[in-house]
Amino acid sequence: MMSATSTLALTHFVTLADSFDKDKVTPGVLGFIVFALIGGAVWLLMKSMNKQMKKVDFEEAPEEGEAAASAAPTVPAPKAG
């Protein structure tokens, strides 16, 4: 149940909500421009990241020491009995 104090407080908030101008609450043209600039910046960053990722070589080249070790024949370990 609502008390008299909470009911009185709600009636004050309702009257305040009606006194706001509906045009002042919306983001308007400035909000759209800021959103469009952020979207454009994200698009440019993604495009740059894609270009940088294409330069990366994911194939790992073996080092000289590892190449010699892998070329040597391997001897199987004796089985423990």
C-alpha atoms as a PDB file:
ATOM      1  CA  MET A   1       0.000   0.000   0.000  1.00  0.00           C
ATOM      2  CA  MET A   2       1.109   3.506  -0.713  1.00  0.00           C
ATOM      3  CA  SER A   3       1.332   6.011   2.075  1.00  0.00           C
ATOM      4  CA  ALA A   4       0.075   9.572   1.805  1.00  0.00           C
ATOM      5  CA  THR A   5       3.627  10.880   1.575  1.00  0.00           C
ATOM      6  CA  SER A   6       4.553   8.683  -1.371  1.00  0.00           C
ATOM      7  CA  THR A   7       1.302   9.560  -3.150  1.00  0.00           C
ATOM      8  CA  LEU A   8       2.011  13.263  -2.668  1.00  0.00           C
ATOM      9  CA  ALA A   9       5.551  12.813  -3.996  1.00  0.00           C
ATOM     10  CA  LEU A  10       4.286  10.978  -7.073  1.00  0.00           C
ATOM     11  CA  THR A  11       1.806  13.739  -7.874  1.00  0.00           C
ATOM     12  CA  HIS A  12       4.640  16.283  -7.772  1.00  0.00           C
ATOM     13  CA  PHE A  13       6.732  14.165 -10.181  1.00  0.00           C
ATOM     14  CA  VAL A  14       3.804  13.804 -12.578  1.00  0.00           C
ATOM     15  CA  THR A  15       3.271  17.557 -12.704  1.00  0.00           C
ATOM     16  CA  LEU A  16       7.026  18.056 -13.294  1.00  0.00           C
ATOM     17  CA  ALA A  17       6.964  15.535 -16.150  1.00  0.00           C
ATOM     18  CA  ASP A  18       4.136  17.429 -17.842  1.00  0.00           C
ATOM     19  CA  SER A  19       5.970  20.762 -17.591  1.00  0.00           C
ATOM     20  CA  PHE A  20       8.961  19.571 -19.706  1.00  0.00           C
ATOM     21  CA  ASP A  21       9.006  20.667 -23.311  1.00  0.00           C
ATOM     22  CA  LYS A  22       9.006  17.549 -25.486  1.00  0.00           C
ATOM     23  CA  ASP A  23      11.492  19.129 -27.951  1.00  0.00           C
ATOM     24  CA  LYS A  24      14.113  19.768 -25.266  1.00  0.00           C
ATOM     25  CA  VAL A  25      14.237  16.131 -24.157  1.00  0.00           C
ATOM     26  CA  THR A  26      15.222  14.673 -27.539  1.00  0.00           C
ATOM     27  CA  PRO A  27      18.885  14.564 -28.632  1.00  0.00           C
ATOM     28  CA  GLY A  28      18.157  16.559 -31.783  1.00  0.00           C
ATOM     29  CA  VAL A  29      20.521  17.338 -34.619  1.00  0.00           C
ATOM     30  CA  LEU A  30      23.604  17.662 -32.400  1.00  0.00           C
ATOM     31  CA  GLY A  31      23.042  14.168 -31.017  1.00  0.00           C
ATOM     32  CA  PHE A  32      22.763  12.783 -34.534  1.00  0.00           C
ATOM     33  CA  ILE A  33      25.949  14.540 -35.644  1.00  0.00           C
ATOM     34  CA  VAL A  34      27.907  13.216 -32.653  1.00  0.00           C
ATOM     35  CA  PHE A  35      26.555   9.702 -33.226  1.00  0.00           C
ATOM     36  CA  ALA A  36      27.451   9.876 -36.933  1.00  0.00           C
ATOM     37  CA  LEU A  37      30.989  11.071 -36.130  1.00  0.00           C
ATOM     38  CA  ILE A  38      31.506   8.239 -33.654  1.00  0.00           C
ATOM     39  CA  GLY A  39      30.192   5.741 -36.222  1.00  0.00           C
ATOM     40  CA  GLY A  40      32.535   7.133 -38.877  1.00  0.00           C
ATOM     41  CA  ALA A  41      35.507   6.938 -36.514  1.00  0.00           C
ATOM     42  CA  VAL A  42      34.723   3.312 -35.683  1.00  0.00           C
ATOM     43  CA  TRP A  43      34.433   2.490 -39.395  1.00  0.00           C
ATOM     44  CA  LEU A  44      37.829   4.096 -40.116  1.00  0.00           C
ATOM     45  CA  LEU A  45      39.445   2.259 -37.196  1.00  0.00           C
ATOM     46  CA  MET A  46      38.041  -1.069 -38.395  1.00  0.00           C
ATOM     47  CA  LYS A  47      39.286  -0.396 -41.912  1.00  0.00           C
ATOM     48  CA  SER A  48      42.772   0.442 -40.606  1.00  0.00           C
ATOM     49  CA  MET A  49      42.804  -2.622 -38.345  1.00  0.00           C
ATOM     50  CA  ASN A  50      41.820  -4.855 -41.269  1.00  0.00           C
ATOM     51  CA  LYS A  51      44.700  -3.450 -43.332  1.00  0.00           C
ATOM     52  CA  GLN A  52      47.174  -4.020 -40.473  1.00  0.00           C
ATOM     53  CA  MET A  53      45.949  -7.573 -39.850  1.00  0.00           C
ATOM     54  CA  LYS A  54      46.515  -8.460 -43.522  1.00  0.00           C
ATOM     55  CA  LYS A  55      50.203  -7.583 -43.053  1.00  0.00           C
ATOM     56  CA  VAL A  56      50.630 -10.102 -40.218  1.00  0.00           C
ATOM     57  CA  ASP A  57      52.247 -13.418 -41.169  1.00  0.00           C
ATOM     58  CA  PHE A  58      50.697 -16.115 -39.020  1.00  0.00           C
ATOM     59  CA  GLU A  59      53.004 -18.884 -40.280  1.00  0.00           C
ATOM     60  CA  GLU A  60      55.816 -19.481 -37.803  1.00  0.00           C
ATOM     61  CA  ALA A  61      59.178 -20.108 -39.463  1.00  0.00           C
ATOM     62  CA  PRO A  62      61.313 -22.764 -37.737  1.00  0.00           C
ATOM     63  CA  GLU A  63      64.587 -21.604 -36.234  1.00  0.00           C
ATOM     64  CA  GLU A  64      67.875 -23.110 -37.496  1.00  0.00           C
ATOM     65  CA  GLY A  65      68.528 -25.064 -34.304  1.00  0.00           C
ATOM     66  CA  GLU A  66      65.087 -26.619 -34.394  1.00  0.00           C
ATOM     67  CA  ALA A  67      65.434 -27.548 -38.065  1.00  0.00           C
ATOM     68  CA  ALA A  68      68.638 -29.501 -37.383  1.00  0.00           C
ATOM     69  CA  ALA A  69      67.104 -31.277 -34.399  1.00  0.00           C
ATOM     70  CA  SER A  70      64.024 -32.324 -36.349  1.00  0.00           C
ATOM     71  CA  ALA A  71      66.179 -33.641 -39.236  1.00  0.00           C
ATOM     72  CA  ALA A  72      68.133 -35.992 -36.920  1.00  0.00           C
ATOM     73  CA  PRO A  73      66.707 -39.500 -36.607  1.00  0.00           C
ATOM     74  CA  THR A  74      64.936 -40.132 -33.357  1.00  0.00           C
ATOM     75  CA  VAL A  75      65.689 -43.183 -31.253  1.00  0.00           C
ATOM     76  CA  PRO A  76      62.718 -44.705 -29.480  1.00  0.00           C
ATOM     77  CA  ALA A  77      63.023 -44.843 -25.699  1.00  0.00           C
ATOM     78  CA  PRO A  78      63.452 -48.321 -24.194  1.00  0.00           C
ATOM     79  CA  LYS A  79      60.325 -49.777 -22.678  1.00  0.00           C
ATOM     80  CA  ALA A  80      60.250 -50.179 -18.939  1.00  0.00           C
ATOM     81  CA  GLY A  81      59.422 -53.718 -18.062  1.00  0.00           C
END
